[in-house]
Each structure stands twice: as C-alpha cells, then as structure tokens.
PDB file of N, CA and C in Angstrom:
ATOM      1  N   MET A   1       0.937  -1.408   0.152  1.00  0.00           N
ATOM      2  CA  MET A   1       0.278   0.241  -0.329  1.00  0.00           C
ATOM      3  C   MET A   1       0.630   1.288   0.290  1.00  0.00           C
ATOM      4  N   TYR A   2       0.399   2.281  -0.725  1.00  0.00           N
ATOM      5  CA  TYR A   2       1.258   3.944  -0.788  1.00  0.00           C
ATOM      6  C   TYR A   2      -0.034   4.570  -0.094  1.00  0.00           C
ATOM      7  N   ILE A   3       1.002   6.043   0.039  1.00  0.00           N
ATOM      8  CA  ILE A   3      -0.586   7.262   0.213  1.00  0.00           C
ATOM      9  C   ILE A   3       0.242   7.913  -0.754  1.00  0.00           C
ATOM     10  N   TYR A   4      -0.695   8.792  -1.176  1.00  0.00           N
ATOM     11  CA  TYR A   4      -0.103   9.890  -1.633  1.00  0.00           C
ATOM     12  C   TYR A   4      -0.398  11.395  -0.636  1.00  0.00           C
ATOM     13  N   ASN A   5       0.407  11.696  -0.477  1.00  0.00           N
ATOM     14  CA  ASN A   5       0.486  12.783   0.483  1.00  0.00           C
ATOM     15  C   ASN A   5       0.770  14.053  -0.152  1.00  0.00           C
ATOM     16  N   VAL A   6      -0.649  15.022   0.052  1.00  0.00           N
ATOM     17  CA  VAL A   6      -0.281  16.325  -0.662  1.00  0.00           C
ATOM     18  C   VAL A   6      -0.573  17.360   0.728  1.00  0.00           C
ATOM     19  N   THR A   7       0.745  18.509   1.507  1.00  0.00           N
ATOM     20  CA  THR A   7       0.739  18.908   1.981  1.00  0.00           C
ATOM     21  C   THR A   7       0.230  20.474   1.517  1.00  0.00           C
ATOM     22  N   ILE A   8      -0.764  21.333   1.872  1.00  0.00           N
ATOM     23  CA  ILE A   8      -1.168  22.157   1.472  1.00  0.00           C
ATOM     24  C   ILE A   8      -1.304  23.444   2.676  1.00  0.00           C
ATOM     25  N   ASN A   9      -0.439  24.647   2.196  1.00  0.00           N
ATOM     26  CA  ASN A   9      -0.649  25.846   2.668  1.00  0.00           C
ATOM     27  C   ASN A   9      -1.090  27.178   2.151  1.00  0.00           C
ATOM     28  N   VAL A  10      -2.471  27.078   3.034  1.00  0.00           N
ATOM     29  CA  VAL A  10      -3.694  28.245   2.010  1.00  0.00           C
ATOM     30  C   VAL A  10      -3.600  29.452   2.734  1.00  0.00           C
ATOM     31  N   GLU A  11      -3.644  30.645   1.817  1.00  0.00           N
ATOM     32  CA  GLU A  11      -3.781  31.887   2.561  1.00  0.00           C
ATOM     33  C   GLU A  11      -5.070  32.016   3.291  1.00  0.00           C
ATOM     34  N   GLU A  12      -5.177  32.642   4.121  1.00  0.00           N
ATOM     35  CA  GLU A  12      -6.322  33.098   5.349  1.00  0.00           C
ATOM     36  C   GLU A  12      -7.200  33.653   4.333  1.00  0.00           C
ATOM     37  N   SER A  13      -7.023  34.414   3.525  1.00  0.00           N
ATOM     38  CA  SER A  13      -8.176  35.379   3.050  1.00  0.00           C
ATOM     39  C   SER A  13      -9.195  34.394   1.881  1.00  0.00           C
ATOM     40  N   ILE A  14      -8.771  33.130   1.847  1.00  0.00           N
ATOM     41  CA  ILE A  14      -9.282  32.576   0.979  1.00  0.00           C
ATOM     42  C   ILE A  14      -9.689  30.897   1.279  1.00  0.00           C
ATOM     43  N   HIS A  15      -9.009  30.642   2.729  1.00  0.00           N
ATOM     44  CA  HIS A  15      -9.070  29.902   3.538  1.00  0.00           C
ATOM     45  C   HIS A  15     -10.578  29.178   3.367  1.00  0.00           C
ATOM     46  N   ASP A  16     -11.672  29.621   4.144  1.00  0.00           N
ATOM     47  CA  ASP A  16     -12.899  28.955   4.495  1.00  0.00           C
ATOM     48  C   ASP A  16     -13.497  28.619   2.917  1.00  0.00           C
ATOM     49  N   GLN A  17     -13.145  29.211   1.607  1.00  0.00           N
ATOM     50  CA  GLN A  17     -13.859  28.663   0.433  1.00  0.00           C
ATOM     51  C   GLN A  17     -13.087  27.849  -0.324  1.00  0.00           C
ATOM     52  N   TRP A  18     -11.478  27.807  -0.218  1.00  0.00           N
ATOM     53  CA  TRP A  18     -10.830  26.843  -0.224  1.00  0.00           C
ATOM     54  C   TRP A  18     -11.401  25.490   0.113  1.00  0.00           C
ATOM     55  N   LEU A  19     -11.404  25.404   1.955  1.00  0.00           N
ATOM     56  CA  LEU A  19     -11.697  24.361   2.583  1.00  0.00           C
ATOM     57  C   LEU A  19     -12.893  23.751   1.876  1.00  0.00           C
ATOM     58  N   ASP A  20     -14.035  24.539   1.507  1.00  0.00           N
ATOM     59  CA  ASP A  20     -14.963  24.165   1.373  1.00  0.00           C
ATOM     60  C   ASP A  20     -15.184  23.422   0.124  1.00  0.00           C
ATOM     61  N   TRP A  21     -14.123  23.644  -0.711  1.00  0.00           N
ATOM     62  CA  TRP A  21     -13.946  22.969  -2.655  1.00  0.00           C
ATOM     63  C   TRP A  21     -13.256  21.961  -1.999  1.00  0.00           C
ATOM     64  N   MET A  22     -12.302  21.948  -1.309  1.00  0.00           N
ATOM     65  CA  MET A  22     -11.520  20.629  -1.213  1.00  0.00           C
ATOM     66  C   MET A  22     -12.293  19.658  -0.365  1.00  0.00           C
ATOM     67  N   LYS A  23     -13.204  19.700   0.761  1.00  0.00           N
ATOM     68  CA  LYS A  23     -13.964  18.393   1.097  1.00  0.00           C
ATOM     69  C   LYS A  23     -15.458  18.362   0.095  1.00  0.00           C
ATOM     70  N   ASN A  24     -16.124  19.169  -0.624  1.00  0.00           N
ATOM     71  CA  ASN A  24     -16.960  18.763  -1.226  1.00  0.00           C
ATOM     72  C   ASN A  24     -16.574  18.786  -2.797  1.00  0.00           C
ATOM     73  N   GLU A  25     -15.834  19.010  -3.461  1.00  0.00           N
ATOM     74  CA  GLU A  25     -15.298  18.720  -4.598  1.00  0.00           C
ATOM     75  C   GLU A  25     -14.340  17.917  -4.784  1.00  0.00           C
ATOM     76  N   HIS A  26     -13.000  18.339  -4.671  1.00  0.00           N
ATOM     77  CA  HIS A  26     -11.278  18.153  -4.411  1.00  0.00           C
ATOM     78  C   HIS A  26     -11.457  16.376  -4.854  1.00  0.00           C
ATOM     79  N   ILE A  27     -11.638  16.723  -3.522  1.00  0.00           N
ATOM     80  CA  ILE A  27     -11.533  15.444  -2.498  1.00  0.00           C
ATOM     81  C   ILE A  27     -12.079  13.956  -2.968  1.00  0.00           C
ATOM     82  N   PRO A  28     -13.512  14.311  -3.281  1.00  0.00           N
ATOM     83  CA  PRO A  28     -14.677  13.306  -4.039  1.00  0.00           C
ATOM     84  C   PRO A  28     -13.824  13.366  -5.612  1.00  0.00           C
ATOM     85  N   ALA A  29     -13.644  14.131  -6.446  1.00  0.00           N
ATOM     86  CA  ALA A  29     -13.304  14.028  -7.445  1.00  0.00           C
ATOM     87  C   ALA A  29     -11.975  13.295  -7.300  1.00  0.00           C
ATOM     88  N   MET A  30     -10.951  13.364  -6.906  1.00  0.00           N
ATOM     89  CA  MET A  30      -9.851  12.560  -6.909  1.00  0.00           C
ATOM     90  C   MET A  30     -10.730  10.935  -6.622  1.00  0.00           C
ATOM     91  N   LEU A  31     -11.169  10.704  -5.494  1.00  0.00           N
ATOM     92  CA  LEU A  31     -11.536   9.804  -5.320  1.00  0.00           C
ATOM     93  C   LEU A  31     -12.299   8.972  -6.492  1.00  0.00           C
ATOM     94  N   LYS A  32     -13.327   9.601  -6.953  1.00  0.00           N
ATOM     95  CA  LYS A  32     -13.878   9.103  -8.188  1.00  0.00           C
ATOM     96  C   LYS A  32     -13.026   8.857  -9.510  1.00  0.00           C
ATOM     97  N   THR A  33     -11.581   9.436  -9.465  1.00  0.00           N
ATOM     98  CA  THR A  33     -10.866   8.746 -10.087  1.00  0.00           C
ATOM     99  C   THR A  33     -10.551   6.612 -10.240  1.00  0.00           C
ATOM    100  N   GLY A  34     -10.575   6.669  -9.159  1.00  0.00           N
ATOM    101  CA  GLY A  34     -10.854   5.417  -9.081  1.00  0.00           C
ATOM    102  C   GLY A  34      -9.266   4.327  -8.399  1.00  0.00           C
ATOM    103  N   LYS A  35      -8.616   5.318  -8.195  1.00  0.00           N
ATOM    104  CA  LYS A  35      -6.886   5.358  -7.888  1.00  0.00           C
ATOM    105  C   LYS A  35      -7.242   4.971  -6.926  1.00  0.00           C
ATOM    106  N   PHE A  36      -7.779   6.210  -5.690  1.00  0.00           N
ATOM    107  CA  PHE A  36      -7.549   5.584  -4.526  1.00  0.00           C
ATOM    108  C   PHE A  36      -8.209   5.147  -3.766  1.00  0.00           C
ATOM    109  N   LEU A  37      -8.221   4.599  -2.964  1.00  0.00           N
ATOM    110  CA  LEU A  37      -9.103   3.930  -1.506  1.00  0.00           C
ATOM    111  C   LEU A  37     -10.123   4.370  -0.783  1.00  0.00           C
ATOM    112  N   ASN A  38      -9.549   5.914  -0.314  1.00  0.00           N
ATOM    113  CA  ASN A  38      -9.692   6.782   0.808  1.00  0.00           C
ATOM    114  C   ASN A  38      -8.884   8.142   0.911  1.00  0.00           C
ATOM    115  N   ALA A  39      -9.586   8.626   1.511  1.00  0.00           N
ATOM    116  CA  ALA A  39      -8.807  10.293   1.580  1.00  0.00           C
ATOM    117  C   ALA A  39      -8.660  10.185   3.146  1.00  0.00           C
ATOM    118  N   LEU A  40      -8.002  10.702   3.407  1.00  0.00           N
ATOM    119  CA  LEU A  40      -7.885  11.550   5.365  1.00  0.00           C
ATOM    120  C   LEU A  40      -7.253  12.964   5.086  1.00  0.00           C
ATOM    121  N   MET A  41      -8.172  14.230   5.627  1.00  0.00           N
ATOM    122  CA  MET A  41      -8.114  15.495   5.625  1.00  0.00           C
ATOM    123  C   MET A  41      -7.225  15.501   6.953  1.00  0.00           C
ATOM    124  N   SER A  42      -6.399  16.621   6.978  1.00  0.00           N
ATOM    125  CA  SER A  42      -5.794  16.808   8.674  1.00  0.00           C
ATOM    126  C   SER A  42      -5.412  18.085   8.347  1.00  0.00           C
ATOM    127  N   LYS A  43      -5.552  19.279   9.100  1.00  0.00           N
ATOM    128  CA  LYS A  43      -5.165  20.118   9.727  1.00  0.00           C
ATOM    129  C   LYS A  43      -3.777  20.357  10.514  1.00  0.00           C
ATOM    130  N   VAL A  44      -2.787  20.668  10.240  1.00  0.00           N
ATOM    131  CA  VAL A  44      -1.177  20.753  10.746  1.00  0.00           C
ATOM    132  C   VAL A  44      -1.291  21.955  11.775  1.00  0.00           C
ATOM    133  N   ASN A  45      -1.167  20.990  13.137  1.00  0.00           N
ATOM    134  CA  ASN A  45      -1.029  22.473  13.933  1.00  0.00           C
ATOM    135  C   ASN A  45       0.443  22.901  14.493  1.00  0.00           C
ATOM    136  N   VAL A  46       0.901  23.727  13.236  1.00  0.00           N
ATOM    137  CA  VAL A  46       2.158  24.152  13.626  1.00  0.00           C
ATOM    138  C   VAL A  46       2.173  25.598  12.912  1.00  0.00           C
ATOM    139  N   LYS A  47       2.135  26.777  13.240  1.00  0.00           N
ATOM    140  CA  LYS A  47       2.526  28.151  13.115  1.00  0.00           C
ATOM    141  C   LYS A  47       3.538  28.120  12.095  1.00  0.00           C
ATOM    142  N   GLU A  48       3.055  28.591  10.842  1.00  0.00           N
ATOM    143  CA  GLU A  48       4.265  28.516  10.216  1.00  0.00           C
ATOM    144  C   GLU A  48       4.717  30.053  10.206  1.00  0.00           C
ATOM    145  N   GLU A  49       5.818  30.154   9.756  1.00  0.00           N
ATOM    146  CA  GLU A  49       6.906  31.706   9.758  1.00  0.00           C
ATOM    147  C   GLU A  49       5.621  32.367   8.601  1.00  0.00           C
ATOM    148  N   MET A  50       5.647  31.708   7.626  1.00  0.00           N
ATOM    149  CA  MET A  50       5.362  32.358   6.143  1.00  0.00           C
ATOM    150  C   MET A  50       3.557  32.607   6.173  1.00  0.00           C
ATOM    151  N   GLY A  51       2.965  32.240   7.487  1.00  0.00           N
ATOM    152  CA  GLY A  51       1.653  32.621   7.626  1.00  0.00           C
ATOM    153  C   GLY A  51       0.502  31.397   7.380  1.00  0.00           C
ATOM    154  N   GLY A  52      -0.690  31.936   6.752  1.00  0.00           N
ATOM    155  CA  GLY A  52      -1.487  30.722   6.247  1.00  0.00           C
ATOM    156  C   GLY A  52      -1.680  29.550   7.292  1.00  0.00           C
ATOM    157  N   ILE A  53      -2.604  28.505   6.488  1.00  0.00           N
ATOM    158  CA  ILE A  53      -3.031  27.288   7.433  1.00  0.00           C
ATOM    159  C   ILE A  53      -2.968  26.418   6.485  1.00  0.00           C
ATOM    160  N   THR A  54      -2.229  25.195   7.438  1.00  0.00           N
ATOM    161  CA  THR A  54      -1.408  24.406   6.104  1.00  0.00           C
ATOM    162  C   THR A  54      -2.615  22.657   6.774  1.00  0.00           C
ATOM    163  N   TYR A  55      -2.321  22.394   5.785  1.00  0.00           N
ATOM    164  CA  TYR A  55      -3.347  21.124   5.629  1.00  0.00           C
ATOM    165  C   TYR A  55      -2.290  19.760   4.651  1.00  0.00           C
ATOM    166  N   SER A  56      -2.662  18.283   5.773  1.00  0.00           N
ATOM    167  CA  SER A  56      -2.418  17.101   4.750  1.00  0.00           C
ATOM    168  C   SER A  56      -3.501  16.615   3.900  1.00  0.00           C
ATOM    169  N   VAL A  57      -3.816  16.213   2.874  1.00  0.00           N
ATOM    170  CA  VAL A  57      -4.236  15.117   2.490  1.00  0.00           C
ATOM    171  C   VAL A  57      -4.004  13.875   1.928  1.00  0.00           C
ATOM    172  N   GLN A  58      -4.544  12.793   2.593  1.00  0.00           N
ATOM    173  CA  GLN A  58      -3.598  11.770   2.255  1.00  0.00           C
ATOM    174  C   GLN A  58      -4.693  10.569   1.735  1.00  0.00           C
ATOM    175  N   TYR A  59      -4.296  10.235   0.753  1.00  0.00           N
ATOM    176  CA  TYR A  59      -4.869   9.329  -0.620  1.00  0.00           C
ATOM    177  C   TYR A  59      -4.279   7.989  -0.081  1.00  0.00           C
ATOM    178  N   LYS A  60      -5.123   6.819  -0.122  1.00  0.00           N
ATOM    179  CA  LYS A  60      -4.353   5.632   0.200  1.00  0.00           C
ATOM    180  C   LYS A  60      -4.935   5.356  -1.228  1.00  0.00           C
ATOM    181  N   THR A  61      -3.336   4.181  -1.916  1.00  0.00           N
ATOM    182  CA  THR A  61      -3.603   3.613  -3.000  1.00  0.00           C
ATOM    183  C   THR A  61      -2.894   2.340  -3.025  1.00  0.00           C
ATOM    184  N   PRO A  62      -3.458   1.410  -3.581  1.00  0.00           N
ATOM    185  CA  PRO A  62      -2.714  -0.123  -3.816  1.00  0.00           C
ATOM    186  C   PRO A  62      -1.256  -0.337  -3.608  1.00  0.00           C
ATOM    187  N   ASP A  63      -0.971   0.404  -4.747  1.00  0.00           N
ATOM    188  CA  ASP A  63       0.669   0.289  -5.408  1.00  0.00           C
ATOM    189  C   ASP A  63       0.769   1.590  -6.066  1.00  0.00           C
ATOM    190  N   GLN A  64       1.873   1.270  -6.313  1.00  0.00           N
ATOM    191  CA  GLN A  64       2.657   2.042  -7.246  1.00  0.00           C
ATOM    192  C   GLN A  64       2.270   2.313  -8.753  1.00  0.00           C
ATOM    193  N   GLU A  65       1.677   1.040  -9.164  1.00  0.00           N
ATOM    194  CA  GLU A  65       1.408   1.273 -10.720  1.00  0.00           C
ATOM    195  C   GLU A  65       0.376   2.100 -10.639  1.00  0.00           C
ATOM    196  N   THR A  66      -0.679   2.058  -9.233  1.00  0.00           N
ATOM    197  CA  THR A  66      -2.062   2.932  -9.400  1.00  0.00           C
ATOM    198  C   THR A  66      -1.721   4.088  -9.073  1.00  0.00           C
ATOM    199  N   LEU A  67      -0.766   4.514  -8.485  1.00  0.00           N
ATOM    200  CA  LEU A  67      -0.369   5.926  -8.302  1.00  0.00           C
ATOM    201  C   LEU A  67       0.274   6.550  -9.526  1.00  0.00           C
ATOM    202  N   ASN A  68       1.270   5.596 -10.517  1.00  0.00           N
ATOM    203  CA  ASN A  68       1.652   6.008 -11.593  1.00  0.00           C
ATOM    204  C   ASN A  68       0.567   6.357 -12.545  1.00  0.00           C
ATOM    205  N   GLN A  69      -0.344   5.083 -12.613  1.00  0.00           N
ATOM    206  CA  GLN A  69      -1.246   5.586 -13.866  1.00  0.00           C
ATOM    207  C   GLN A  69      -2.297   7.253 -13.541  1.00  0.00           C
ATOM    208  N   TYR A  70      -2.458   7.399 -12.131  1.00  0.00           N
ATOM    209  CA  TYR A  70      -2.949   8.475 -11.794  1.00  0.00           C
ATOM    210  C   TYR A  70      -2.121   9.640 -12.348  1.00  0.00           C
ATOM    211  N   TYR A  71      -0.985   9.775 -12.033  1.00  0.00           N
ATOM    212  CA  TYR A  71      -0.239  11.142 -12.593  1.00  0.00           C
ATOM    213  C   TYR A  71      -0.101  10.968 -13.955  1.00  0.00           C
ATOM    214  N   GLU A  72      -0.178  10.166 -14.723  1.00  0.00           N
ATOM    215  CA  GLU A  72      -0.560   9.891 -16.262  1.00  0.00           C
ATOM    216  C   GLU A  72      -1.891  10.759 -16.752  1.00  0.00           C
ATOM    217  N   GLU A  73      -2.738   9.806 -16.178  1.00  0.00           N
ATOM    218  CA  GLU A  73      -4.053   9.741 -16.186  1.00  0.00           C
ATOM    219  C   GLU A  73      -5.441  11.115 -15.658  1.00  0.00           C
ATOM    220  N   ASP A  74      -5.103  11.298 -14.446  1.00  0.00           N
ATOM    221  CA  ASP A  74      -5.368  12.146 -13.646  1.00  0.00           C
ATOM    222  C   ASP A  74      -5.026  13.456 -13.149  1.00  0.00           C
ATOM    223  N   ALA A  75      -3.543  13.662 -13.036  1.00  0.00           N
ATOM    224  CA  ALA A  75      -2.998  14.110 -12.101  1.00  0.00           C
ATOM    225  C   ALA A  75      -3.142  15.745 -12.792  1.00  0.00           C
ATOM    226  N   PRO A  76      -2.631  15.990 -13.837  1.00  0.00           N
ATOM    227  CA  PRO A  76      -2.778  17.635 -14.994  1.00  0.00           C
ATOM    228  C   PRO A  76      -4.187  18.015 -14.858  1.00  0.00           C
ATOM    229  N   LYS A  77      -5.635  16.792 -15.075  1.00  0.00           N
ATOM    230  CA  LYS A  77      -6.702  17.753 -15.111  1.00  0.00           C
ATOM    231  C   LYS A  77      -7.026  17.899 -13.265  1.00  0.00           C
ATOM    232  N   MET A  78      -6.445  17.337 -12.626  1.00  0.00           N
ATOM    233  CA  MET A  78      -6.959  17.479 -11.084  1.00  0.00           C
ATOM    234  C   MET A  78      -6.691  18.995 -10.442  1.00  0.00           C
ATOM    235  N   ARG A  79      -4.945  18.936 -11.276  1.00  0.00           N
ATOM    236  CA  ARG A  79      -4.029  20.244 -10.481  1.00  0.00           C
ATOM    237  C   ARG A  79      -5.070  21.218 -11.290  1.00  0.00           C
ATOM    238  N   ALA A  80      -4.884  20.952 -12.308  1.00  0.00           N
ATOM    239  CA  ALA A  80      -5.964  22.317 -13.309  1.00  0.00           C
ATOM    240  C   ALA A  80      -6.870  23.178 -12.504  1.00  0.00           C
ATOM    241  N   GLU A  81      -7.555  22.410 -12.006  1.00  0.00           N
ATOM    242  CA  GLU A  81      -9.306  22.498 -11.171  1.00  0.00           C
ATOM    243  C   GLU A  81      -8.566  23.303  -9.820  1.00  0.00           C
ATOM    244  N   SER A  82      -7.421  23.469  -9.598  1.00  0.00           N
ATOM    245  CA  SER A  82      -7.462  24.556  -8.315  1.00  0.00           C
ATOM    246  C   SER A  82      -7.018  25.862  -8.500  1.00  0.00           C
ATOM    247  N   LYS A  83      -6.983  25.904 -10.199  1.00  0.00           N
ATOM    248  CA  LYS A  83      -7.145  27.638 -10.866  1.00  0.00           C
ATOM    249  C   LYS A  83      -7.410  28.499  -9.678  1.00  0.00           C
ATOM    250  N   PRO A  84      -9.321  28.606  -9.578  1.00  0.00           N
ATOM    251  CA  PRO A  84      -9.329  29.676  -9.152  1.00  0.00           C
ATOM    252  C   PRO A  84      -8.423  29.943  -7.813  1.00  0.00           C
ATOM    253  N   PHE A  85      -7.535  29.590  -7.073  1.00  0.00           N
ATOM    254  CA  PHE A  85      -7.238  29.878  -6.096  1.00  0.00           C
ATOM    255  C   PHE A  85      -5.589  29.603  -5.794  1.00  0.00           C
ATOM    256  N   GLU A  86      -5.176  29.841  -7.307  1.00  0.00           N
ATOM    257  CA  GLU A  86      -4.138  29.823  -7.983  1.00  0.00           C
ATOM    258  C   GLU A  86      -3.112  31.362  -7.309  1.00  0.00           C
ATOM    259  N   GLY A  87      -1.933  30.940  -6.898  1.00  0.00           N
ATOM    260  CA  GLY A  87      -1.097  31.820  -5.822  1.00  0.00           C
ATOM    261  C   GLY A  87      -1.685  32.242  -4.526  1.00  0.00           C
ATOM    262  N   LYS A  88      -2.224  31.713  -3.833  1.00  0.00           N
ATOM    263  CA  LYS A  88      -2.852  31.505  -3.273  1.00  0.00           C
ATOM    264  C   LYS A  88      -2.933  30.350  -2.149  1.00  0.00           C
ATOM    265  N   PHE A  89      -1.666  29.512  -2.472  1.00  0.00           N
ATOM    266  CA  PHE A  89      -1.064  28.253  -1.733  1.00  0.00           C
ATOM    267  C   PHE A  89       0.048  27.718  -2.098  1.00  0.00           C
ATOM    268  N   VAL A  90       0.653  26.947  -1.439  1.00  0.00           N
ATOM    269  CA  VAL A  90       1.483  26.119  -1.611  1.00  0.00           C
ATOM    270  C   VAL A  90       1.240  24.575  -1.045  1.00  0.00           C
ATOM    271  N   ALA A  91       1.885  23.882  -1.960  1.00  0.00           N
ATOM    272  CA  ALA A  91       1.710  22.453  -2.169  1.00  0.00           C
ATOM    273  C   ALA A  91       2.653  21.939  -2.449  1.00  0.00           C
ATOM    274  N   PHE A  92       2.940  20.659  -1.721  1.00  0.00           N
ATOM    275  CA  PHE A  92       3.908  19.755  -2.272  1.00  0.00           C
ATOM    276  C   PHE A  92       3.708  18.696  -1.792  1.00  0.00           C
ATOM    277  N   ARG A  93       4.387  17.593  -2.695  1.00  0.00           N
ATOM    278  CA  ARG A  93       3.468  16.088  -2.696  1.00  0.00           C
ATOM    279  C   ARG A  93       4.320  15.093  -2.173  1.00  0.00           C
ATOM    280  N   THR A  94       4.162  14.161  -1.282  1.00  0.00           N
ATOM    281  CA  THR A  94       5.057  13.149  -1.055  1.00  0.00           C
ATOM    282  C   THR A  94       4.681  11.503  -1.227  1.00  0.00           C
ATOM    283  N   GLU A  95       5.050  10.686  -2.003  1.00  0.00           N
ATOM    284  CA  GLU A  95       4.871   9.429  -1.820  1.00  0.00           C
ATOM    285  C   GLU A  95       5.648   8.853  -0.415  1.00  0.00           C
ATOM    286  N   LEU A  96       4.532   7.766  -0.036  1.00  0.00           N
ATOM    287  CA  LEU A  96       5.011   7.014   1.223  1.00  0.00           C
ATOM    288  C   LEU A  96       4.530   5.474   0.982  1.00  0.00           C
ATOM    289  N   GLU A  97       5.687   4.338   1.325  1.00  0.00           N
ATOM    290  CA  GLU A  97       5.459   3.334   1.086  1.00  0.00           C
ATOM    291  C   GLU A  97       4.661   2.712   2.595  1.00  0.00           C
ATOM    292  N   ILE A  98       3.647   2.099   2.798  1.00  0.00           N
ATOM    293  CA  ILE A  98       3.038   1.539   4.271  1.00  0.00           C
ATOM    294  C   ILE A  98       3.663   0.383   4.345  1.00  0.00           C
ATOM    295  N   VAL A  99       4.782   0.479   5.251  1.00  0.00           N
ATOM    296  CA  VAL A  99       5.510  -0.967   6.021  1.00  0.00           C
ATOM    297  C   VAL A  99       4.924  -1.740   7.007  1.00  0.00           C
ATOM    298  N   ASP A 100       4.266  -0.661   8.142  1.00  0.00           N
ATOM    299  CA  ASP A 100       2.900  -1.434   8.614  1.00  0.00           C
ATOM    300  C   ASP A 100       2.191  -1.027   9.381  1.00  0.00           C
ATOM    301  N   GLU A 101       0.812  -1.250   8.798  1.00  0.00           N
ATOM    302  CA  GLU A 101      -0.444  -0.541   9.781  1.00  0.00           C
ATOM    303  C   GLU A 101      -0.973  -1.117  10.730  1.00  0.00           C
ATOM    304  N   GLN A 102      -1.092  -1.143  12.062  1.00  0.00           N
ATOM    305  CA  GLN A 102      -2.094  -1.467  13.086  1.00  0.00           C
ATOM    306  C   GLN A 102      -3.236  -1.379  13.628  1.00  0.00           C
ATOM    307  N   GLU A 103      -4.179  -1.913  14.325  1.00  0.00           N
ATOM    308  CA  GLU A 103      -5.098  -1.546  14.859  1.00  0.00           C
ATOM    309  C   GLU A 103      -5.529  -1.555  15.970  1.00  0.00           C
TER     310      GLU A 103
END
C-alpha cells in the first residue's frame, strides 16, 4: 500500500472557500478517479512563519502502478481545477510506502 500525501499551505483570505472546495469537490473528485481507496484530511497544528493554514491530505492507493496511472491519466486535470486559488496556496507532494499498519 502507498499513500499519496499532499501538504498545502493556504492563505487565510481564501481559506473558507478553499476548504469547502476541497471537502465537497476536490477530494470527492480524486476518489472518483478510482485510483484511491480513501482520503484523510488533517489540519497541521504548527504555526508557519510564512503564515496561512496548513493541511495534509493523504490518499491511500494499492500500489505504485496505480499511483503512476493517476499521474499519467488524472493529475494534470485535477491540479488544473485549483486555478481559482492560484497564487494563494503552496502545495508539495510526497509518496509514502506503508511498511506496517496496526489497529
């Protein structure tokens, strides 16, 4: 299993609109690609020097091949949909491989 993690710092001026878009449009659209099993959105409780509010969104995917398919087939379109917020957020992406999971 893999996690596609996207960490986003968003300006406070657009925060509420962006958060609504993420929860009600973007994350559901990511799941509808069929490449991810679920998504977990968390607020990062660390005050950033640059300001803004930071979130981590983790999308679980079964394997690297499926994640690569997302990059090839869906990523450009999904990233383009954030255009209304362009210049008001910073995002970086990380791939994580799950080594052990316990409940």
